[in-house]
């Protein structure tokens, strides 16, 4: 990878943070107001607790307040999500095109179309993951009839992790396969998507363990939570691009 990988990763990180909160707010609204599912809503909350490296209670409390706000706020959040999703995928496309040595980038309109498609695909995958977790939890609650609450929580958490990691792998695969402006063999990127999906989970826990030594609170004060999330998104972007580089180099080497 070239030195500009840091530029691409920071661009992806910034737009990911801008789109993350409207995306989660939309999921909370759909599960609570459209599907009217207590279990699905609780799964979204637990996913937030598990995914965020810091400040989980603060973020959940404020997202809940946003969800209970006026309907107009939800519409604005959806518009922001559509705009920022293209900000995530546009620099990613440029970076992936360079990695795969494709000479041309998509037009602005073409990138907007593929970005919207990927954003919708990621949203559908997230909803499916939440629904499958919630469905299994509700089935266990029905079978156990109010008994074994601790067992239900444990199994629910394990199912949530399995479905969430599967969703992450699927999202990595879609990005690696569809986003570059050229033909990328699915079998060339599928193993990488699996590996990067698993590594991203390990990286998250390593980052959580390292947070006390990074001491963002002392350096950034009230902005420590924002900085910790931005740095986490930056590391995730680097990992995504590293995986793309490895798969492309391996495929191109075999093609020679």
Protein backbone atom coordinates (compact mmCIF):
# COMPACT_ATOMS: atom_id res chain seq x y z
CA UNK A 1 0.00 0.00 0.00
CA UNK A 2 1.09 3.56 -0.65
CA UNK A 3 1.47 6.35 1.87
CA UNK A 4 -1.87 7.96 0.92
CA UNK A 5 -3.66 5.04 2.58
CA UNK A 6 -3.78 7.21 5.72
CA UNK A 7 -5.66 9.89 3.79
CA UNK A 8 -8.20 7.40 2.49
CA UNK A 9 -8.61 5.80 5.92
CA UNK A 10 -9.17 9.15 7.65
CA UNK A 11 -11.70 10.20 5.01
CA UNK A 12 -13.60 6.95 5.46
CA UNK A 13 -13.40 7.31 9.26
CA UNK A 14 -14.81 10.85 9.28
CA UNK A 15 -17.74 9.99 7.03
CA UNK A 16 -18.35 6.74 8.90
CA UNK A 17 -18.78 8.65 12.15
CA UNK A 18 -21.14 11.12 10.42
CA UNK A 19 -23.27 8.27 9.03
CA UNK A 20 -23.07 5.95 12.05
CA UNK A 21 -25.44 7.82 14.37
CA UNK A 22 -28.19 8.44 11.77
CA UNK A 23 -27.89 4.77 10.74
CA UNK A 24 -28.26 3.45 14.28
CA UNK A 25 -31.01 5.97 15.01
CA UNK A 26 -32.87 4.71 11.96
CA UNK A 27 -32.50 1.10 13.13
CA UNK A 28 -33.82 2.02 16.57
CA UNK A 29 -36.77 3.84 15.04
CA UNK A 30 -37.63 0.96 12.69
CA UNK A 31 -37.48 -1.69 15.42
CA UNK A 32 -39.44 0.42 17.92
CA UNK A 33 -42.01 2.30 15.83
CA UNK A 34 -42.39 0.21 12.65
CA UNK A 35 -41.87 -3.39 13.76
CA UNK A 36 -42.99 -2.67 17.36
CA UNK A 37 -40.56 -5.31 18.61
CA UNK A 38 -39.15 -4.96 22.10
CA UNK A 39 -36.69 -7.78 21.50
CA UNK A 40 -35.37 -6.31 18.22
CA UNK A 41 -34.94 -2.93 19.90
CA UNK A 42 -33.03 -4.53 22.77
CA UNK A 43 -30.79 -6.34 20.28
CA UNK A 44 -29.90 -2.98 18.67
CA UNK A 45 -29.04 -1.57 22.08
CA UNK A 46 -26.91 -4.59 22.97
CA UNK A 47 -25.13 -4.37 19.61
CA UNK A 48 -24.28 -0.77 20.42
CA UNK A 49 -22.91 -1.76 23.82
CA UNK A 50 -20.79 -4.45 22.22
CA UNK A 51 -19.60 -2.46 19.20
CA UNK A 52 -18.68 0.91 20.68
CA UNK A 53 -15.21 1.03 22.26
CA UNK A 54 -16.20 3.65 24.86
CA UNK A 55 -19.08 5.82 26.12
CA UNK A 56 -21.77 3.21 25.46
CA UNK A 57 -24.27 4.52 28.02
CA UNK A 58 -23.84 8.13 26.88
CA UNK A 59 -24.39 7.25 23.21
CA UNK A 60 -27.37 4.98 23.87
CA UNK A 61 -29.04 7.58 26.11
CA UNK A 62 -28.73 10.31 23.49
CA UNK A 63 -29.75 8.10 20.57
CA UNK A 64 -32.85 7.11 22.53
CA UNK A 65 -33.64 10.78 23.04
CA UNK A 66 -33.19 11.38 19.31
CA UNK A 67 -35.52 8.50 18.50
CA UNK A 68 -38.21 9.99 20.73
CA UNK A 69 -37.86 13.39 19.07
CA UNK A 70 -40.16 14.75 16.43
CA UNK A 71 -40.69 12.89 13.14
CA UNK A 72 -38.94 15.66 11.20
CA UNK A 73 -35.68 14.84 12.98
CA UNK A 74 -35.90 11.26 11.67
CA UNK A 75 -36.34 12.51 8.09
CA UNK A 76 -33.31 14.77 8.46
CA UNK A 77 -31.32 11.83 9.82
CA UNK A 78 -32.27 9.74 6.78
CA UNK A 79 -31.16 12.52 4.40
CA UNK A 80 -27.86 12.89 6.27
CA UNK A 81 -27.36 9.12 6.09
CA UNK A 82 -27.85 9.08 2.32
CA UNK A 83 -25.39 11.94 1.85
CA UNK A 84 -22.67 10.66 4.18
CA UNK A 85 -22.86 7.10 2.85
CA UNK A 86 -21.50 8.35 -0.47
CA UNK A 87 -18.74 10.08 1.49
CA UNK A 88 -17.77 6.69 2.90
CA UNK A 89 -17.78 4.77 -0.37
CA UNK A 90 -16.31 7.41 -2.71
CA UNK A 91 -12.78 7.46 -1.18
CA UNK A 92 -13.02 3.70 -0.71
CA UNK A 93 -13.69 3.24 -4.42
CA UNK A 94 -10.70 5.40 -5.35
CA UNK A 95 -8.46 3.47 -2.96
CA UNK A 96 -9.71 0.07 -4.16
CA UNK A 97 -9.27 1.07 -7.79
CA UNK A 98 -5.64 1.92 -7.09
CA UNK A 99 -5.13 -1.32 -5.19
CA UNK A 100 -6.59 -3.39 -8.05
CA UNK A 101 -4.84 -1.18 -10.64
CA UNK A 102 -8.04 -0.17 -12.38
CA UNK A 103 -7.25 3.02 -14.35
CA UNK A 104 -10.59 4.85 -14.07
CA UNK A 105 -12.94 5.80 -11.27
CA UNK A 106 -16.71 5.89 -11.66
CA UNK A 107 -18.44 9.14 -12.50
CA UNK A 108 -19.96 11.08 -9.64
CA UNK A 109 -23.44 9.82 -10.53
CA UNK A 110 -22.18 6.25 -10.89
CA UNK A 111 -20.56 6.40 -7.49
CA UNK A 112 -23.75 7.77 -5.96
CA UNK A 113 -25.71 4.83 -7.39
CA UNK A 114 -23.30 2.16 -6.13
CA UNK A 115 -22.97 3.96 -2.77
CA UNK A 116 -26.74 4.04 -2.32
CA UNK A 117 -26.99 0.38 -3.28
CA UNK A 118 -24.28 -0.64 -0.81
CA UNK A 119 -25.80 1.50 1.94
CA UNK A 120 -29.19 -0.15 1.40
CA UNK A 121 -27.53 -3.57 1.29
CA UNK A 122 -25.71 -2.93 4.56
CA UNK A 123 -28.96 -1.77 6.14
CA UNK A 124 -30.85 -4.86 5.00
CA UNK A 125 -28.08 -7.15 6.28
CA UNK A 126 -28.10 -5.36 9.64
CA UNK A 127 -31.89 -5.69 9.93
CA UNK A 128 -31.72 -9.39 9.02
CA UNK A 129 -29.06 -9.95 11.67
CA UNK A 130 -31.18 -8.17 14.28
CA UNK A 131 -34.35 -10.00 13.25
CA UNK A 132 -32.69 -13.43 13.34
CA UNK A 133 -31.24 -12.77 16.78
CA UNK A 134 -34.54 -11.43 18.09
CA UNK A 135 -36.50 -14.33 16.57
CA UNK A 136 -34.35 -16.92 18.31
CA UNK A 137 -34.54 -15.05 21.62
CA UNK A 138 -38.34 -14.81 21.40
CA UNK A 139 -38.52 -18.54 20.57
CA UNK A 140 -36.48 -19.42 23.66
CA UNK A 141 -38.63 -17.12 25.82
CA UNK A 142 -41.71 -18.89 24.50
CA UNK A 143 -40.31 -22.36 25.10
CA UNK A 144 -38.95 -21.62 28.58
CA UNK A 145 -42.06 -19.63 29.60
CA UNK A 146 -40.32 -17.06 31.76
CA UNK A 147 -37.73 -19.42 33.26
CA UNK A 148 -33.99 -19.41 32.68
CA UNK A 149 -33.60 -15.68 32.04
CA UNK A 150 -29.86 -15.88 32.58
CA UNK A 151 -29.57 -18.72 30.06
CA UNK A 152 -31.68 -16.77 27.53
CA UNK A 153 -29.45 -13.69 27.91
CA UNK A 154 -26.30 -15.78 27.43
CA UNK A 155 -27.58 -17.60 24.36
CA UNK A 156 -28.99 -14.34 22.99
CA UNK A 157 -25.61 -12.65 23.38
CA UNK A 158 -23.82 -15.52 21.64
CA UNK A 159 -26.33 -15.53 18.79
CA UNK A 160 -25.98 -11.77 18.47
CA UNK A 161 -22.20 -12.10 18.16
CA UNK A 162 -22.46 -14.86 15.55
CA UNK A 163 -24.99 -13.01 13.39
CA UNK A 164 -23.15 -9.68 13.80
CA UNK A 165 -19.82 -11.18 12.73
CA UNK A 166 -21.49 -12.92 9.79
CA UNK A 167 -23.00 -9.59 8.77
CA UNK A 168 -19.61 -7.86 9.06
CA UNK A 169 -18.04 -10.50 6.82
CA UNK A 170 -20.84 -10.10 4.28
CA UNK A 171 -20.40 -6.29 4.26
CA UNK A 172 -16.64 -6.60 3.79
CA UNK A 173 -17.26 -9.01 0.92
CA UNK A 174 -19.75 -6.69 -0.82
CA UNK A 175 -17.33 -3.75 -0.53
CA UNK A 176 -14.37 -5.74 -1.86
CA UNK A 177 -16.39 -7.30 -4.67
CA UNK A 178 -18.75 -4.55 -5.90
CA UNK A 179 -17.12 -1.23 -5.11
CA UNK A 180 -14.02 -1.31 -7.38
CA UNK A 181 -14.66 0.00 -10.90
CA UNK A 182 -13.66 -3.25 -12.56
CA UNK A 183 -14.22 -6.98 -12.48
CA UNK A 184 -13.11 -8.48 -9.18
CA UNK A 185 -13.45 -12.28 -8.85
CA UNK A 186 -15.66 -13.16 -5.88
CA UNK A 187 -13.45 -16.07 -4.88
CA UNK A 188 -10.43 -13.75 -4.74
CA UNK A 189 -11.99 -11.58 -2.02
CA UNK A 190 -14.23 -13.96 -0.08
CA UNK A 191 -11.42 -15.50 2.03
CA UNK A 192 -10.08 -12.02 2.76
CA UNK A 193 -13.53 -10.81 3.83
CA UNK A 194 -13.77 -13.70 6.30
CA UNK A 195 -10.30 -13.03 7.71
CA UNK A 196 -10.80 -9.26 7.98
CA UNK A 197 -14.23 -9.75 9.57
CA UNK A 198 -12.69 -11.90 12.30
CA UNK A 199 -9.66 -9.63 12.70
CA UNK A 200 -11.88 -6.56 13.10
CA UNK A 201 -13.52 -8.20 16.10
CA UNK A 202 -10.12 -8.99 17.63
CA UNK A 203 -8.89 -5.46 16.86
CA UNK A 204 -11.90 -4.00 18.68
CA UNK A 205 -11.08 -5.80 21.92
CA UNK A 206 -7.38 -4.96 21.59
CA UNK A 207 -8.33 -1.30 21.13
CA UNK A 208 -10.62 -1.38 24.18
CA UNK A 209 -7.78 -2.82 26.27
CA UNK A 210 -5.40 -0.13 24.95
CA UNK A 211 -7.75 2.81 25.65
CA UNK A 212 -6.59 3.40 29.25
CA UNK A 213 -2.98 3.73 28.04
CA UNK A 214 -3.94 6.05 25.16
CA UNK A 215 -5.36 8.46 27.78
CA UNK A 216 -7.61 10.40 25.41
CA UNK A 217 -9.49 11.91 28.38
CA UNK A 218 -6.42 13.76 29.63
CA UNK A 219 -5.43 15.04 26.18
CA UNK A 220 -8.83 15.86 24.66
CA UNK A 221 -11.02 16.39 27.73
CA UNK A 222 -14.75 16.50 26.84
CA UNK A 223 -13.95 15.46 23.27
CA UNK A 224 -12.34 12.17 24.32
CA UNK A 225 -15.33 10.06 23.27
CA UNK A 226 -15.42 11.59 19.78
CA UNK A 227 -11.68 11.09 19.37
CA UNK A 228 -11.81 7.48 20.57
CA UNK A 229 -14.54 6.67 18.05
CA UNK A 230 -12.74 8.49 15.25
CA UNK A 231 -9.50 6.65 15.96
CA UNK A 232 -11.37 3.33 16.08
CA UNK A 233 -12.98 4.10 12.70
CA UNK A 234 -9.54 5.04 11.31
CA UNK A 235 -8.04 1.73 12.44
CA UNK A 236 -10.98 -0.14 10.92
CA UNK A 237 -10.44 1.70 7.64
CA UNK A 238 -6.77 0.76 7.64
CA UNK A 239 -7.68 -2.87 8.28
CA UNK A 240 -10.21 -2.86 5.44
CA UNK A 241 -7.68 -1.41 2.98
CA UNK A 242 -4.96 -3.79 4.17
CA UNK A 243 -7.24 -6.73 3.43
CA UNK A 244 -8.04 -5.38 -0.02
CA UNK A 245 -4.35 -4.94 -0.75
CA UNK A 246 -3.51 -8.49 0.32
CA UNK A 247 -6.27 -10.05 -1.78
CA UNK A 248 -5.38 -7.96 -4.84
CA UNK A 249 -1.66 -8.68 -4.62
CA UNK A 250 -2.29 -12.41 -4.22
CA UNK A 251 -4.72 -12.49 -7.16
CA UNK A 252 -2.46 -10.45 -9.42
CA UNK A 253 0.54 -12.60 -8.50
CA UNK A 254 -1.33 -15.77 -9.45
CA UNK A 255 -2.51 -14.20 -12.70
CA UNK A 256 1.09 -13.65 -13.88
